[in-house]
Amino acid sequence: MPPLMPRFIPFKTLYLSIGGIIAVEACVTLHMRPVTGAYKAVLISRICQTTLMLILLRYTPNGFAAAGIDLKHAQKGMIHGSAWSVGFALIVLMVGGGLYVSGINVLDLISMPFPSHDRMVFLLTGMIFGPIAEELFFRGIVQGFFRRSGPATAIVLTTLLFAAMHMNGYGIPVIPAVGGFIFCLSFEKARHLLTPLIIHISGNMALYGLTAF
């Protein structure tokens, strides 16, 4: 049985998290980016935002548990995350194989700009620290807040917000939307933040690896 979570994250924790994330992003962009460069600034921003959210959850009643952070059930969360990752990978391989047979190069669909400098910082941010910050906010806090309206509503609204935040001006963000739905669904099923986090990290590692090599 999955660990039980309190029903939802309070509104105060949600708006303080949003305000804190925006403040950190603005501060780092204005004061640190000109000195460190874009990629290091993003890494610093994600680390600071994660730290801020953890502090807010620390002072929220049942905050860690409501966000799916439970050290006693960490092993179950990791096992579920690994199982979901394998299943997701198999589905992607089958879909990718079908597209390849149809004459569509899947790599063209997932290609992204890859920097010529600060590559390690870029990879660390995209594969580790970015997913940690995003899962803590979108699944732990946002989905935890919307859960008061029911699991289905929480999954749909969180997925839409996650996809909207990943729009890059080139049309509908299909991959973030599908990924966001998988992350939300796995979190609701396993009730541990490690589950969507492992899926997210695994997916980004595969995505960045294919792009880089």
N, C-alpha and C. Protein backbone atom coordinates (compact mmCIF):
# COMPACT_ATOMS: atom_id res chain seq x y z
N MET A 1 0.84 -1.20 0.00
CA MET A 1 0.00 0.00 0.00
C MET A 1 0.88 1.25 0.00
N PRO A 2 0.52 2.28 -0.77
CA PRO A 2 1.29 3.51 -0.77
C PRO A 2 1.11 4.25 0.53
N PRO A 3 2.11 5.05 0.95
CA PRO A 3 1.94 5.85 2.16
C PRO A 3 0.81 6.85 1.99
N LEU A 4 0.12 7.12 3.10
CA LEU A 4 -1.00 8.05 3.05
C LEU A 4 -0.48 9.48 3.15
N MET A 5 -1.04 10.40 2.36
CA MET A 5 -0.67 11.81 2.40
C MET A 5 -1.85 12.62 2.93
N PRO A 6 -1.57 13.68 3.69
CA PRO A 6 -2.64 14.62 4.01
C PRO A 6 -3.27 15.11 2.72
N ARG A 7 -4.48 15.63 2.79
CA ARG A 7 -5.25 15.88 1.57
C ARG A 7 -4.65 16.95 0.68
N PHE A 8 -4.16 18.05 1.25
CA PHE A 8 -3.71 19.10 0.36
C PHE A 8 -2.72 20.05 1.02
N ILE A 9 -2.02 20.80 0.15
CA ILE A 9 -1.11 21.86 0.57
C ILE A 9 -1.92 23.14 0.79
N PRO A 10 -1.69 23.89 1.87
CA PRO A 10 -2.44 25.12 2.11
C PRO A 10 -2.14 26.19 1.05
N PHE A 11 -3.10 27.09 0.86
CA PHE A 11 -2.94 28.16 -0.12
C PHE A 11 -1.76 29.06 0.23
N LYS A 12 -1.52 29.28 1.51
CA LYS A 12 -0.41 30.13 1.94
C LYS A 12 0.92 29.59 1.45
N THR A 13 1.11 28.29 1.54
CA THR A 13 2.36 27.68 1.08
C THR A 13 2.48 27.82 -0.43
N LEU A 14 1.36 27.69 -1.15
CA LEU A 14 1.38 27.82 -2.61
C LEU A 14 1.80 29.23 -3.03
N TYR A 15 1.14 30.25 -2.48
CA TYR A 15 1.45 31.61 -2.96
C TYR A 15 2.82 32.08 -2.48
N LEU A 16 3.26 31.64 -1.30
CA LEU A 16 4.61 31.97 -0.85
C LEU A 16 5.66 31.31 -1.73
N SER A 17 5.38 30.09 -2.18
CA SER A 17 6.29 29.39 -3.08
C SER A 17 6.39 30.11 -4.42
N ILE A 18 5.23 30.48 -4.97
CA ILE A 18 5.22 31.19 -6.26
C ILE A 18 5.96 32.52 -6.13
N GLY A 19 5.67 33.27 -5.08
CA GLY A 19 6.33 34.55 -4.87
C GLY A 19 7.83 34.39 -4.68
N GLY A 20 8.22 33.38 -3.92
CA GLY A 20 9.64 33.14 -3.68
C GLY A 20 10.38 32.72 -4.94
N ILE A 21 9.75 31.87 -5.74
CA ILE A 21 10.36 31.42 -6.99
C ILE A 21 10.57 32.59 -7.95
N ILE A 22 9.56 33.44 -8.06
CA ILE A 22 9.68 34.61 -8.94
C ILE A 22 10.77 35.56 -8.43
N ALA A 23 10.82 35.77 -7.11
CA ALA A 23 11.81 36.67 -6.53
C ALA A 23 13.23 36.15 -6.75
N VAL A 24 13.43 34.85 -6.55
CA VAL A 24 14.75 34.25 -6.75
C VAL A 24 15.15 34.37 -8.22
N GLU A 25 14.21 34.05 -9.11
CA GLU A 25 14.50 34.10 -10.55
C GLU A 25 14.90 35.52 -10.96
N ALA A 26 14.17 36.52 -10.48
CA ALA A 26 14.46 37.91 -10.82
C ALA A 26 15.81 38.35 -10.26
N CYS A 27 16.06 37.98 -9.01
CA CYS A 27 17.31 38.38 -8.36
C CYS A 27 18.52 37.78 -9.06
N VAL A 28 18.45 36.49 -9.34
CA VAL A 28 19.57 35.81 -9.99
C VAL A 28 19.78 36.34 -11.40
N THR A 29 18.68 36.55 -12.13
CA THR A 29 18.78 37.05 -13.50
C THR A 29 19.39 38.44 -13.56
N LEU A 30 18.97 39.32 -12.64
CA LEU A 30 19.44 40.70 -12.67
C LEU A 30 20.86 40.87 -12.11
N HIS A 31 21.18 40.11 -11.06
CA HIS A 31 22.43 40.38 -10.34
C HIS A 31 23.53 39.33 -10.58
N MET A 32 23.16 38.10 -10.91
CA MET A 32 24.17 37.06 -11.04
C MET A 32 24.43 36.65 -12.48
N ARG A 33 23.39 36.69 -13.30
CA ARG A 33 23.56 36.24 -14.68
C ARG A 33 24.63 37.02 -15.44
N PRO A 34 24.71 38.36 -15.28
CA PRO A 34 25.78 39.08 -15.99
C PRO A 34 27.18 38.65 -15.57
N VAL A 35 27.31 38.09 -14.36
CA VAL A 35 28.62 37.69 -13.85
C VAL A 35 28.92 36.23 -14.16
N THR A 36 27.96 35.36 -13.91
CA THR A 36 28.19 33.92 -14.03
C THR A 36 27.89 33.37 -15.41
N GLY A 37 27.05 34.06 -16.19
CA GLY A 37 26.58 33.52 -17.45
C GLY A 37 25.23 32.85 -17.27
N ALA A 38 24.54 32.59 -18.36
CA ALA A 38 23.15 32.13 -18.32
C ALA A 38 23.01 30.76 -17.65
N TYR A 39 23.84 29.79 -18.02
CA TYR A 39 23.64 28.42 -17.55
C TYR A 39 23.95 28.27 -16.06
N LYS A 40 25.00 28.92 -15.60
CA LYS A 40 25.31 28.87 -14.17
C LYS A 40 24.25 29.61 -13.36
N ALA A 41 23.72 30.68 -13.92
CA ALA A 41 22.67 31.42 -13.23
C ALA A 41 21.42 30.57 -13.05
N VAL A 42 21.06 29.81 -14.08
CA VAL A 42 19.89 28.93 -13.98
C VAL A 42 20.12 27.86 -12.92
N LEU A 43 21.33 27.29 -12.88
CA LEU A 43 21.65 26.28 -11.87
C LEU A 43 21.53 26.86 -10.47
N ILE A 44 22.11 28.03 -10.25
CA ILE A 44 22.02 28.68 -8.94
C ILE A 44 20.57 28.96 -8.58
N SER A 45 19.80 29.41 -9.55
CA SER A 45 18.39 29.72 -9.32
C SER A 45 17.62 28.48 -8.88
N ARG A 46 17.82 27.35 -9.57
CA ARG A 46 17.09 26.12 -9.22
C ARG A 46 17.46 25.61 -7.83
N ILE A 47 18.74 25.73 -7.46
CA ILE A 47 19.16 25.29 -6.13
C ILE A 47 18.53 26.18 -5.06
N CYS A 48 18.54 27.48 -5.28
CA CYS A 48 17.95 28.41 -4.31
C CYS A 48 16.44 28.23 -4.20
N GLN A 49 15.77 28.01 -5.33
CA GLN A 49 14.33 27.80 -5.31
C GLN A 49 13.96 26.52 -4.59
N THR A 50 14.73 25.47 -4.81
CA THR A 50 14.47 24.20 -4.11
C THR A 50 14.64 24.38 -2.61
N THR A 51 15.70 25.06 -2.21
CA THR A 51 15.96 25.30 -0.78
C THR A 51 14.82 26.10 -0.16
N LEU A 52 14.36 27.12 -0.87
CA LEU A 52 13.26 27.95 -0.37
C LEU A 52 11.99 27.13 -0.17
N MET A 53 11.65 26.30 -1.15
CA MET A 53 10.43 25.48 -1.04
C MET A 53 10.53 24.48 0.11
N LEU A 54 11.70 23.92 0.32
CA LEU A 54 11.88 22.98 1.43
C LEU A 54 11.72 23.70 2.77
N ILE A 55 12.22 24.91 2.86
CA ILE A 55 12.05 25.69 4.09
C ILE A 55 10.57 25.99 4.34
N LEU A 56 9.85 26.38 3.29
CA LEU A 56 8.42 26.66 3.43
C LEU A 56 7.65 25.41 3.87
N LEU A 57 7.98 24.26 3.27
CA LEU A 57 7.32 23.01 3.65
C LEU A 57 7.66 22.62 5.09
N ARG A 58 8.88 22.95 5.51
CA ARG A 58 9.30 22.63 6.88
C ARG A 58 8.40 23.31 7.90
N TYR A 59 7.94 24.52 7.58
CA TYR A 59 7.10 25.28 8.51
C TYR A 59 5.63 25.24 8.14
N THR A 60 5.26 24.32 7.24
CA THR A 60 3.86 24.06 6.93
C THR A 60 3.43 22.81 7.70
N PRO A 61 2.31 22.86 8.43
CA PRO A 61 1.85 21.66 9.14
C PRO A 61 1.72 20.47 8.19
N ASN A 62 2.42 19.39 8.51
CA ASN A 62 2.43 18.19 7.67
C ASN A 62 2.91 18.49 6.24
N GLY A 63 3.72 19.55 6.11
CA GLY A 63 4.12 20.00 4.78
C GLY A 63 4.89 18.97 3.98
N PHE A 64 5.91 18.35 4.59
CA PHE A 64 6.69 17.37 3.86
C PHE A 64 5.83 16.17 3.44
N ALA A 65 5.00 15.71 4.35
CA ALA A 65 4.13 14.57 4.03
C ALA A 65 3.12 14.94 2.95
N ALA A 66 2.57 16.16 3.02
CA ALA A 66 1.60 16.60 2.03
C ALA A 66 2.22 16.70 0.64
N ALA A 67 3.52 16.99 0.60
CA ALA A 67 4.23 17.10 -0.68
C ALA A 67 4.80 15.75 -1.12
N GLY A 68 4.52 14.69 -0.38
CA GLY A 68 4.98 13.37 -0.78
C GLY A 68 6.41 13.08 -0.40
N ILE A 69 6.97 13.83 0.56
CA ILE A 69 8.34 13.60 1.01
C ILE A 69 8.29 12.79 2.29
N ASP A 70 8.65 11.54 2.20
CA ASP A 70 8.53 10.62 3.34
C ASP A 70 9.72 9.67 3.31
N LEU A 71 10.68 9.91 4.21
CA LEU A 71 11.91 9.11 4.21
C LEU A 71 11.64 7.64 4.55
N LYS A 72 10.61 7.40 5.36
CA LYS A 72 10.32 6.02 5.75
C LYS A 72 9.89 5.16 4.57
N HIS A 73 9.29 5.78 3.57
CA HIS A 73 8.82 5.04 2.39
C HIS A 73 9.63 5.38 1.14
N ALA A 74 10.85 5.89 1.36
CA ALA A 74 11.68 6.30 0.22
C ALA A 74 11.99 5.12 -0.71
N GLN A 75 12.23 3.96 -0.13
CA GLN A 75 12.56 2.79 -0.97
C GLN A 75 11.40 2.44 -1.89
N LYS A 76 10.18 2.49 -1.36
CA LYS A 76 9.01 2.20 -2.20
C LYS A 76 8.87 3.24 -3.32
N GLY A 77 9.12 4.50 -2.96
CA GLY A 77 9.05 5.54 -3.98
C GLY A 77 10.06 5.32 -5.09
N MET A 78 11.26 4.89 -4.73
CA MET A 78 12.30 4.63 -5.72
C MET A 78 11.95 3.43 -6.59
N ILE A 79 11.41 2.40 -5.98
CA ILE A 79 11.03 1.20 -6.73
C ILE A 79 9.92 1.53 -7.72
N HIS A 80 8.91 2.24 -7.24
CA HIS A 80 7.81 2.63 -8.13
C HIS A 80 8.31 3.53 -9.26
N GLY A 81 9.20 4.46 -8.93
CA GLY A 81 9.74 5.34 -9.94
C GLY A 81 10.53 4.59 -11.00
N SER A 82 11.30 3.61 -10.57
CA SER A 82 12.07 2.80 -11.52
C SER A 82 11.15 1.99 -12.41
N ALA A 83 10.11 1.41 -11.82
CA ALA A 83 9.17 0.61 -12.60
C ALA A 83 8.43 1.47 -13.62
N TRP A 84 7.97 2.65 -13.20
CA TRP A 84 7.30 3.56 -14.12
C TRP A 84 8.25 4.00 -15.24
N SER A 85 9.50 4.24 -14.90
CA SER A 85 10.49 4.68 -15.90
C SER A 85 10.69 3.63 -16.97
N VAL A 86 10.79 2.36 -16.54
CA VAL A 86 10.97 1.26 -17.50
C VAL A 86 9.74 1.15 -18.41
N GLY A 87 8.56 1.22 -17.81
CA GLY A 87 7.33 1.15 -18.61
C GLY A 87 7.22 2.30 -19.59
N PHE A 88 7.54 3.51 -19.12
CA PHE A 88 7.48 4.69 -19.98
C PHE A 88 8.48 4.57 -21.12
N ALA A 89 9.69 4.05 -20.80
CA ALA A 89 10.72 3.88 -21.82
C ALA A 89 10.28 2.90 -22.90
N LEU A 90 9.63 1.82 -22.50
CA LEU A 90 9.16 0.82 -23.47
C LEU A 90 8.11 1.43 -24.40
N ILE A 91 7.21 2.23 -23.83
CA ILE A 91 6.19 2.89 -24.65
C ILE A 91 6.84 3.85 -25.65
N VAL A 92 7.81 4.63 -25.18
CA VAL A 92 8.52 5.57 -26.05
C VAL A 92 9.24 4.83 -27.17
N LEU A 93 9.87 3.71 -26.83
CA LEU A 93 10.58 2.92 -27.84
C LEU A 93 9.62 2.38 -28.90
N MET A 94 8.47 1.92 -28.47
CA MET A 94 7.49 1.39 -29.43
C MET A 94 6.95 2.50 -30.33
N VAL A 95 6.63 3.64 -29.73
CA VAL A 95 6.13 4.76 -30.52
C VAL A 95 7.23 5.27 -31.46
N GLY A 96 8.45 5.39 -30.92
CA GLY A 96 9.56 5.84 -31.74
C GLY A 96 9.86 4.90 -32.88
N GLY A 97 9.77 3.59 -32.60
CA GLY A 97 9.99 2.61 -33.65
C GLY A 97 8.93 2.71 -34.74
N GLY A 98 7.69 2.93 -34.33
CA GLY A 98 6.61 3.08 -35.31
C GLY A 98 6.80 4.30 -36.18
N LEU A 99 7.23 5.41 -35.56
CA LEU A 99 7.49 6.63 -36.33
C LEU A 99 8.67 6.44 -37.29
N TYR A 100 9.69 5.73 -36.83
CA TYR A 100 10.86 5.50 -37.68
C TYR A 100 10.49 4.67 -38.90
N VAL A 101 9.66 3.65 -38.68
CA VAL A 101 9.20 2.81 -39.79
C VAL A 101 8.38 3.65 -40.76
N SER A 102 7.68 4.64 -40.24
CA SER A 102 6.86 5.51 -41.09
C SER A 102 7.68 6.57 -41.81
N GLY A 103 8.99 6.59 -41.56
CA GLY A 103 9.86 7.55 -42.22
C GLY A 103 10.07 8.84 -41.48
N ILE A 104 9.68 8.88 -40.18
CA ILE A 104 9.86 10.09 -39.37
C ILE A 104 11.05 9.91 -38.44
N ASN A 105 11.98 10.84 -38.50
CA ASN A 105 13.15 10.79 -37.62
C ASN A 105 12.77 11.36 -36.27
N VAL A 106 12.72 10.49 -35.26
CA VAL A 106 12.29 10.91 -33.92
C VAL A 106 13.24 11.95 -33.34
N LEU A 107 14.53 11.85 -33.66
CA LEU A 107 15.51 12.78 -33.11
C LEU A 107 15.23 14.21 -33.55
N ASP A 108 14.64 14.36 -34.73
CA ASP A 108 14.29 15.71 -35.19
C ASP A 108 13.18 16.32 -34.34
N LEU A 109 12.35 15.46 -33.76
CA LEU A 109 11.23 15.94 -32.96
C LEU A 109 11.65 16.37 -31.57
N ILE A 110 12.74 15.80 -31.08
CA ILE A 110 13.17 16.08 -29.70
C ILE A 110 14.46 16.88 -29.64
N SER A 111 14.96 17.31 -30.78
CA SER A 111 16.22 18.04 -30.79
C SER A 111 16.08 19.36 -30.03
N MET A 112 17.16 19.78 -29.38
CA MET A 112 17.19 21.03 -28.63
C MET A 112 18.57 21.66 -28.77
N PRO A 113 18.67 22.97 -28.61
CA PRO A 113 19.98 23.61 -28.68
C PRO A 113 20.90 23.08 -27.58
N PHE A 114 22.14 22.80 -27.93
CA PHE A 114 23.10 22.30 -26.95
C PHE A 114 24.29 23.25 -26.92
N PRO A 115 24.64 23.76 -25.74
CA PRO A 115 25.66 24.81 -25.67
C PRO A 115 27.06 24.30 -26.00
N SER A 116 27.88 25.21 -26.47
CA SER A 116 29.28 24.87 -26.75
C SER A 116 30.17 25.11 -25.54
N HIS A 117 29.63 25.76 -24.50
CA HIS A 117 30.38 26.01 -23.27
C HIS A 117 29.49 25.71 -22.07
N ASP A 118 30.10 25.54 -20.91
CA ASP A 118 29.37 25.21 -19.67
C ASP A 118 28.47 23.99 -19.87
N ARG A 119 28.95 22.99 -20.60
CA ARG A 119 28.12 21.82 -20.88
C ARG A 119 27.78 21.04 -19.60
N MET A 120 28.74 20.90 -18.70
CA MET A 120 28.47 20.15 -17.48
C MET A 120 27.42 20.85 -16.64
N VAL A 121 27.48 22.17 -16.55
CA VAL A 121 26.48 22.93 -15.81
C VAL A 121 25.12 22.77 -16.46
N PHE A 122 25.09 22.84 -17.79
CA PHE A 122 23.85 22.68 -18.55
C PHE A 122 23.23 21.30 -18.28
N LEU A 123 24.05 20.26 -18.29
CA LEU A 123 23.55 18.90 -18.07
C LEU A 123 23.11 18.69 -16.63
N LEU A 124 23.88 19.20 -15.68
CA LEU A 124 23.50 19.06 -14.27
C LEU A 124 22.17 19.74 -13.99
N THR A 125 21.97 20.90 -14.59
CA THR A 125 20.71 21.63 -14.39
C THR A 125 19.55 20.88 -15.04
N GLY A 126 19.73 20.47 -16.29
CA GLY A 126 18.65 19.84 -17.03
C GLY A 126 18.31 18.45 -16.55
N MET A 127 19.31 17.71 -16.07
CA MET A 127 19.07 16.31 -15.71
C MET A 127 18.84 16.09 -14.22
N ILE A 128 19.33 16.98 -13.36
CA ILE A 128 19.23 16.75 -11.91
C ILE A 128 18.49 17.88 -11.19
N PHE A 129 19.10 19.05 -11.17
CA PHE A 129 18.57 20.12 -10.33
C PHE A 129 17.28 20.72 -10.87
N GLY A 130 17.14 20.77 -12.20
CA GLY A 130 15.89 21.24 -12.78
C GLY A 130 14.72 20.33 -12.42
N PRO A 131 14.84 19.01 -12.66
CA PRO A 131 13.75 18.11 -12.28
C PRO A 131 13.42 18.14 -10.79
N ILE A 132 14.44 18.27 -9.92
CA ILE A 132 14.17 18.33 -8.48
C ILE A 132 13.30 19.54 -8.15
N ALA A 133 13.68 20.71 -8.67
CA ALA A 133 12.91 21.92 -8.40
C ALA A 133 11.50 21.83 -8.99
N GLU A 134 11.39 21.31 -10.21
CA GLU A 134 10.09 21.23 -10.87
C GLU A 134 9.16 20.23 -10.19
N GLU A 135 9.69 19.09 -9.80
CA GLU A 135 8.83 18.10 -9.13
C GLU A 135 8.38 18.59 -7.76
N LEU A 136 9.29 19.22 -7.05
CA LEU A 136 8.92 19.75 -5.74
C LEU A 136 7.81 20.79 -5.86
N PHE A 137 7.92 21.65 -6.88
CA PHE A 137 6.90 22.70 -7.05
C PHE A 137 5.62 22.15 -7.68
N PHE A 138 5.73 21.55 -8.87
CA PHE A 138 4.53 21.16 -9.60
C PHE A 138 3.80 19.99 -8.96
N ARG A 139 4.52 18.94 -8.61
CA ARG A 139 3.85 17.79 -8.02
C ARG A 139 3.66 17.99 -6.51
N GLY A 140 4.74 18.31 -5.80
CA GLY A 140 4.64 18.40 -4.35
C GLY A 140 3.72 19.51 -3.88
N ILE A 141 3.84 20.71 -4.45
CA ILE A 141 3.09 21.86 -3.96
C ILE A 141 1.83 22.14 -4.78
N VAL A 142 1.98 22.29 -6.10
CA VAL A 142 0.81 22.64 -6.93
C VAL A 142 -0.21 21.51 -6.95
N GLN A 143 0.23 20.29 -7.28
CA GLN A 143 -0.72 19.17 -7.30
C GLN A 143 -1.26 18.90 -5.90
N GLY A 144 -0.39 19.09 -4.88
CA GLY A 144 -0.86 18.93 -3.50
C GLY A 144 -1.92 19.95 -3.13
N PHE A 145 -1.84 21.13 -3.72
CA PHE A 145 -2.86 22.15 -3.47
C PHE A 145 -4.16 21.81 -4.19
N PHE A 146 -4.08 21.46 -5.47
CA PHE A 146 -5.28 21.18 -6.26
C PHE A 146 -5.96 19.87 -5.86
N ARG A 147 -5.29 19.04 -5.07
CA ARG A 147 -5.87 17.76 -4.68
C ARG A 147 -7.17 17.93 -3.90
N ARG A 148 -7.38 19.11 -3.32
CA ARG A 148 -8.62 19.37 -2.58
C ARG A 148 -9.84 19.27 -3.49
N SER A 149 -9.62 19.44 -4.80
CA SER A 149 -10.72 19.35 -5.77
C SER A 149 -10.84 17.96 -6.37
N GLY A 150 -10.06 17.02 -5.88
CA GLY A 150 -10.10 15.65 -6.38
C GLY A 150 -8.85 15.31 -7.17
N PRO A 151 -8.45 14.04 -7.18
CA PRO A 151 -7.23 13.63 -7.88
C PRO A 151 -7.25 13.94 -9.37
N ALA A 152 -8.37 13.70 -10.05
CA ALA A 152 -8.45 13.92 -11.50
C ALA A 152 -8.24 15.40 -11.83
N THR A 153 -8.92 16.27 -11.09
CA THR A 153 -8.76 17.71 -11.30
C THR A 153 -7.33 18.15 -11.04
N ALA A 154 -6.74 17.62 -9.98
CA ALA A 154 -5.36 17.96 -9.64
C ALA A 154 -4.40 17.55 -10.76
N ILE A 155 -4.60 16.37 -11.31
CA ILE A 155 -3.73 15.88 -12.38
C ILE A 155 -3.87 16.75 -13.63
N VAL A 156 -5.11 17.05 -14.03
CA VAL A 156 -5.34 17.83 -15.25
C VAL A 156 -4.79 19.24 -15.11
N LEU A 157 -5.12 19.93 -14.02
CA LEU A 157 -4.68 21.31 -13.85
C LEU A 157 -3.15 21.41 -13.73
N THR A 158 -2.56 20.50 -12.99
CA THR A 158 -1.10 20.53 -12.83
C THR A 158 -0.40 20.22 -14.15
N THR A 159 -0.94 19.28 -14.91
CA THR A 159 -0.36 18.96 -16.22
C THR A 159 -0.43 20.15 -17.16
N LEU A 160 -1.57 20.84 -17.18
CA LEU A 160 -1.73 22.02 -18.04
C LEU A 160 -0.75 23.13 -17.66
N LEU A 161 -0.59 23.36 -16.36
CA LEU A 161 0.34 24.38 -15.90
C LEU A 161 1.79 24.00 -16.24
N PHE A 162 2.11 22.74 -16.05
CA PHE A 162 3.46 22.26 -16.34
C PHE A 162 3.77 22.42 -17.83
N ALA A 163 2.82 22.04 -18.68
CA ALA A 163 3.02 22.18 -20.13
C ALA A 163 3.12 23.65 -20.53
N ALA A 164 2.27 24.49 -19.93
CA ALA A 164 2.29 25.92 -20.27
C ALA A 164 3.62 26.57 -19.91
N MET A 165 4.22 26.14 -18.81
CA MET A 165 5.50 26.70 -18.39
C MET A 165 6.66 26.23 -19.27
N HIS A 166 6.40 25.22 -20.11
CA HIS A 166 7.44 24.70 -20.99
C HIS A 166 7.20 25.09 -22.45
N MET A 167 6.29 26.01 -22.69
CA MET A 167 6.05 26.47 -24.06
C MET A 167 7.24 27.31 -24.52
N ASN A 168 7.68 27.06 -25.74
CA ASN A 168 8.85 27.77 -26.26
C ASN A 168 8.55 28.57 -27.53
N GLY A 169 7.27 28.74 -27.84
CA GLY A 169 6.90 29.52 -29.00
C GLY A 169 6.86 28.74 -30.30
N TYR A 170 7.03 27.40 -30.21
CA TYR A 170 7.05 26.58 -31.43
C TYR A 170 5.85 25.64 -31.50
N GLY A 171 4.75 26.03 -30.88
CA GLY A 171 3.56 25.20 -30.93
C GLY A 171 3.28 24.55 -29.59
N ILE A 172 2.40 23.57 -29.62
CA ILE A 172 1.98 22.88 -28.39
C ILE A 172 3.14 22.04 -27.85
N PRO A 173 3.47 22.19 -26.56
CA PRO A 173 4.57 21.40 -25.97
C PRO A 173 4.12 19.98 -25.67
N VAL A 174 4.11 19.14 -26.70
CA VAL A 174 3.57 17.79 -26.57
C VAL A 174 4.36 16.96 -25.56
N ILE A 175 5.68 16.97 -25.69
CA ILE A 175 6.50 16.15 -24.79
C ILE A 175 6.34 16.57 -23.34
N PRO A 176 6.42 17.87 -22.99
CA PRO A 176 6.16 18.26 -21.60
C PRO A 176 4.75 17.91 -21.13
N ALA A 177 3.76 18.00 -22.02
CA ALA A 177 2.39 17.67 -21.63
C ALA A 177 2.25 16.19 -21.30
N VAL A 178 2.81 15.34 -22.17
CA VAL A 178 2.75 13.90 -21.92
C VAL A 178 3.56 13.54 -20.68
N GLY A 179 4.77 14.11 -20.60
CA GLY A 179 5.60 13.86 -19.43
C GLY A 179 4.94 14.34 -18.15
N GLY A 180 4.36 15.55 -18.20
CA GLY A 180 3.70 16.08 -17.02
C GLY A 180 2.54 15.22 -16.55
N PHE A 181 1.79 14.68 -17.52
CA PHE A 181 0.68 13.80 -17.15
C PHE A 181 1.19 12.53 -16.48
N ILE A 182 2.26 11.95 -17.02
CA ILE A 182 2.85 10.75 -16.42
C ILE A 182 3.36 11.04 -15.02
N PHE A 183 4.03 12.18 -14.85
CA PHE A 183 4.54 12.54 -13.52
C PHE A 183 3.40 12.69 -12.52
N CYS A 184 2.34 13.38 -12.93
CA CYS A 184 1.19 13.60 -12.04
C CYS A 184 0.50 12.29 -11.69
N LEU A 185 0.28 11.46 -12.70
CA LEU A 185 -0.42 10.20 -12.47
C LEU A 185 0.38 9.28 -11.55
N SER A 186 1.69 9.21 -11.80
CA SER A 186 2.54 8.33 -10.97
C SER A 186 2.59 8.84 -9.53
N PHE A 187 2.60 10.16 -9.36
CA PHE A 187 2.62 10.73 -8.01
C PHE A 187 1.34 10.42 -7.26
N GLU A 188 0.21 10.51 -7.96
CA GLU A 188 -1.07 10.23 -7.32
C GLU A 188 -1.19 8.75 -6.97
N LYS A 189 -0.62 7.90 -7.82
CA LYS A 189 -0.69 6.46 -7.56
C LYS A 189 0.26 6.03 -6.45
N ALA A 190 1.52 6.47 -6.54
CA ALA A 190 2.53 6.03 -5.57
C ALA A 190 2.51 6.85 -4.29
N ARG A 191 2.07 8.10 -4.40
CA ARG A 191 1.99 9.01 -3.26
C ARG A 191 3.35 9.26 -2.62
N HIS A 192 4.38 9.26 -3.43
CA HIS A 192 5.71 9.61 -2.97
C HIS A 192 6.39 10.43 -4.05
N LEU A 193 7.00 11.55 -3.66
CA LEU A 193 7.58 12.46 -4.64
C LEU A 193 8.76 11.84 -5.39
N LEU A 194 9.42 10.85 -4.78
CA LEU A 194 10.54 10.20 -5.45
C LEU A 194 10.10 9.50 -6.74
N THR A 195 8.86 9.06 -6.79
CA THR A 195 8.38 8.33 -7.97
C THR A 195 8.40 9.21 -9.23
N PRO A 196 7.68 10.35 -9.26
CA PRO A 196 7.77 11.20 -10.46
C PRO A 196 9.16 11.80 -10.65
N LEU A 197 9.89 12.01 -9.56
CA LEU A 197 11.24 12.58 -9.67
C LEU A 197 12.17 11.65 -10.44
N ILE A 198 12.12 10.37 -10.12
CA ILE A 198 12.96 9.40 -10.81
C ILE A 198 12.57 9.29 -12.29
N ILE A 199 11.26 9.30 -12.56
CA ILE A 199 10.81 9.26 -13.96
C ILE A 199 11.30 10.50 -14.70
N HIS A 200 11.18 11.65 -14.07
CA HIS A 200 11.58 12.92 -14.69
C HIS A 200 13.09 12.93 -14.97
N ILE A 201 13.88 12.54 -13.98
CA ILE A 201 15.33 12.52 -14.16
C ILE A 201 15.73 11.52 -15.24
N SER A 202 15.13 10.35 -15.22
CA SER A 202 15.44 9.32 -16.23
C SER A 202 15.09 9.81 -17.63
N GLY A 203 13.91 10.42 -17.76
CA GLY A 203 13.49 10.93 -19.06
C GLY A 203 14.39 12.03 -19.57
N ASN A 204 14.77 12.95 -18.67
CA ASN A 204 15.66 14.04 -19.09
C ASN A 204 17.05 13.54 -19.45
N MET A 205 17.51 12.53 -18.72
CA MET A 205 18.82 11.96 -19.04
C MET A 205 18.81 11.36 -20.45
N ALA A 206 17.74 10.66 -20.76
CA ALA A 206 17.63 10.07 -22.10
C ALA A 206 17.52 11.16 -23.16
N LEU A 207 16.70 12.17 -22.89
CA LEU A 207 16.48 13.26 -23.84
C LEU A 207 17.77 14.05 -24.10
N TYR A 208 18.46 14.42 -23.02
CA TYR A 208 19.68 15.20 -23.16
C TYR A 208 20.80 14.33 -23.75
N GLY A 209 20.79 13.04 -23.41
CA GLY A 209 21.80 12.15 -23.97
C GLY A 209 21.66 12.00 -25.46
N LEU A 210 20.43 11.84 -25.94
CA LEU A 210 20.20 11.72 -27.38
C LEU A 210 20.56 13.01 -28.10
N THR A 211 20.28 14.14 -27.45
CA THR A 211 20.58 15.43 -28.06
C THR A 211 22.09 15.68 -28.12
N ALA A 212 22.78 15.27 -27.06
CA ALA A 212 24.22 15.56 -26.98
C ALA A 212 25.04 14.65 -27.86
N PHE A 213 24.60 13.40 -27.97
CA PHE A 213 25.44 12.41 -28.66
C PHE A 213 24.76 11.84 -29.91
